[in-house]
Amino acid sequence: MIKADFYRDTDGNITRFTITGHAGSGPYGYDIVCAAVSAVAIGTVNGIEGLAGIMPAVETDDDQGGLLTAALPSVMIQEKLTIAQILLENLLLELQSIRAEYGQFLQVKTNQDAQSSTVA
């Protein structure tokens, strides 16, 4: 099962997400759930870099059961934060849509972080 965890700060902004595991909905190379989750998650990270001009801290590990973590910097200007939030909220929405159809292969949760983002 793929598990996606989103972390929000005290202002409600998504500050980071972690996606782990494999869906196992089909043989390797034919797993449409894994492909969909990978595509929207990597597309979001690329969008944050290309559209918001933010370099999130990214960690990946395909060998240990699959892992993608992306975290926003703790300080950024409001315009960049707004763009990043639109992209991250869209990722959350996309994953919830996938879960609605393939819930046995995907779990999506949001959690509260203890600190807020700082806008420069």
Protein backbone atom coordinates (compact mmCIF):
# COMPACT_ATOMS: atom_id res chain seq x y z
CA MET A 1 0.00 0.00 0.00
CA ILE A 2 1.12 3.55 -0.72
CA LYS A 3 0.89 5.94 2.23
CA ALA A 4 0.87 9.70 1.66
CA ASP A 5 1.28 11.99 4.66
CA PHE A 6 0.88 15.76 4.40
CA TYR A 7 2.03 18.07 7.17
CA ARG A 8 0.45 21.47 7.78
CA ASP A 9 1.83 24.27 9.90
CA THR A 10 -0.22 26.22 12.43
CA ASP A 11 -1.31 28.59 9.64
CA GLY A 12 -2.76 25.67 7.65
CA ASN A 13 -0.02 25.68 4.99
CA ILE A 14 1.30 22.35 3.73
CA THR A 15 4.99 22.41 4.65
CA ARG A 16 5.99 18.92 3.52
CA PHE A 17 4.75 15.58 2.32
CA THR A 18 6.02 12.02 2.44
CA ILE A 19 4.90 9.22 0.16
CA THR A 20 6.04 5.67 0.95
CA GLY A 21 5.37 2.16 -0.24
CA HIS A 22 4.16 0.48 -3.39
CA ALA A 23 0.55 0.01 -4.45
CA GLY A 24 0.86 -3.55 -5.68
CA SER A 25 -2.19 -3.10 -7.90
CA GLY A 26 -0.45 -4.74 -10.84
CA PRO A 27 2.84 -6.28 -11.95
CA TYR A 28 5.96 -4.12 -12.04
CA GLY A 29 5.70 -1.67 -14.91
CA TYR A 30 1.91 -2.09 -15.11
CA ASP A 31 0.85 -0.73 -11.72
CA ILE A 32 -1.44 2.16 -12.68
CA VAL A 33 -1.92 3.35 -9.10
CA CYS A 34 1.82 3.58 -8.50
CA ALA A 35 2.29 5.30 -11.85
CA ALA A 36 -0.46 7.84 -11.13
CA VAL A 37 0.83 8.66 -7.65
CA SER A 38 4.40 8.96 -8.92
CA ALA A 39 3.39 11.21 -11.81
CA VAL A 40 1.38 13.69 -9.75
CA ALA A 41 3.92 13.77 -6.90
CA ILE A 42 6.97 14.29 -9.12
CA GLY A 43 5.02 16.79 -11.21
CA THR A 44 4.25 18.75 -8.05
CA VAL A 45 7.90 18.87 -6.99
CA ASN A 46 8.87 19.97 -10.51
CA GLY A 47 6.14 22.63 -10.43
CA ILE A 48 7.31 23.98 -7.08
CA GLU A 49 10.81 24.31 -8.51
CA GLY A 50 9.81 25.65 -11.93
CA LEU A 51 6.78 27.82 -11.16
CA ALA A 52 7.37 28.97 -7.59
CA GLY A 53 11.15 29.13 -7.91
CA ILE A 54 11.53 27.22 -4.65
CA MET A 55 13.97 24.35 -4.20
CA PRO A 56 12.28 21.98 -1.76
CA ALA A 57 14.41 19.57 0.23
CA VAL A 58 13.75 16.26 -1.56
CA GLU A 59 14.59 12.73 -0.48
CA THR A 60 13.95 9.65 -2.60
CA ASP A 61 14.63 5.94 -2.18
CA ASP A 62 13.23 3.49 -4.71
CA ASP A 63 15.03 0.51 -3.20
CA GLN A 64 13.61 0.53 0.33
CA GLY A 65 9.93 0.20 -0.49
CA GLY A 66 9.59 3.51 -2.30
CA LEU A 67 9.99 6.94 -0.74
CA LEU A 68 9.48 10.53 -1.82
CA THR A 69 9.69 13.33 0.72
CA ALA A 70 9.58 17.02 -0.15
CA ALA A 71 9.77 19.88 2.35
CA LEU A 72 9.46 23.59 1.70
CA PRO A 73 12.05 26.00 3.09
CA SER A 74 10.99 27.52 6.40
CA VAL A 75 11.30 31.09 5.06
CA MET A 76 10.04 32.34 1.68
CA ILE A 77 8.28 35.34 0.18
CA GLN A 78 4.47 35.34 0.16
CA GLU A 79 4.14 35.03 -3.63
CA LYS A 80 6.28 31.88 -3.73
CA LEU A 81 4.47 30.43 -0.74
CA THR A 82 1.11 31.02 -2.43
CA ILE A 83 2.21 29.26 -5.63
CA ALA A 84 3.65 26.34 -3.67
CA GLN A 85 0.44 26.02 -1.64
CA ILE A 86 -1.72 25.88 -4.76
CA LEU A 87 0.47 23.09 -6.14
CA LEU A 88 0.56 21.17 -2.85
CA GLU A 89 -3.20 21.48 -2.27
CA ASN A 90 -3.68 20.22 -5.84
CA LEU A 91 -1.44 17.23 -5.10
CA LEU A 92 -3.51 16.44 -2.01
CA LEU A 93 -6.71 16.72 -4.07
CA GLU A 94 -5.31 14.48 -6.84
CA LEU A 95 -4.24 11.81 -4.35
CA GLN A 96 -7.64 11.92 -2.64
CA SER A 97 -9.24 11.42 -6.07
CA ILE A 98 -7.03 8.40 -6.74
CA ARG A 99 -7.85 7.06 -3.27
CA ALA A 100 -11.58 7.40 -3.98
CA GLU A 101 -11.22 4.96 -6.86
CA TYR A 102 -8.37 2.75 -5.56
CA GLY A 103 -8.65 3.05 -1.77
CA GLN A 104 -7.33 -0.44 -1.13
CA PHE A 105 -3.96 0.65 -2.57
CA LEU A 106 -3.60 4.23 -1.24
CA GLN A 107 -3.90 5.92 2.15
CA VAL A 108 -3.82 9.75 2.43
CA LYS A 109 -3.50 11.61 5.74
CA THR A 110 -2.86 15.18 6.85
CA ASN A 111 -1.08 16.04 10.09
CA GLN A 112 -0.43 19.25 11.98
CA ASP A 113 3.16 20.49 12.43
CA ALA A 114 4.02 22.50 15.52
CA GLN A 115 5.40 25.59 13.78
CA SER A 116 4.25 28.06 11.16
CA SER A 117 5.89 29.16 7.92
CA THR A 118 7.76 32.41 8.00
CA VAL A 119 7.01 34.80 5.19
CA ALA A 120 9.88 37.10 4.28
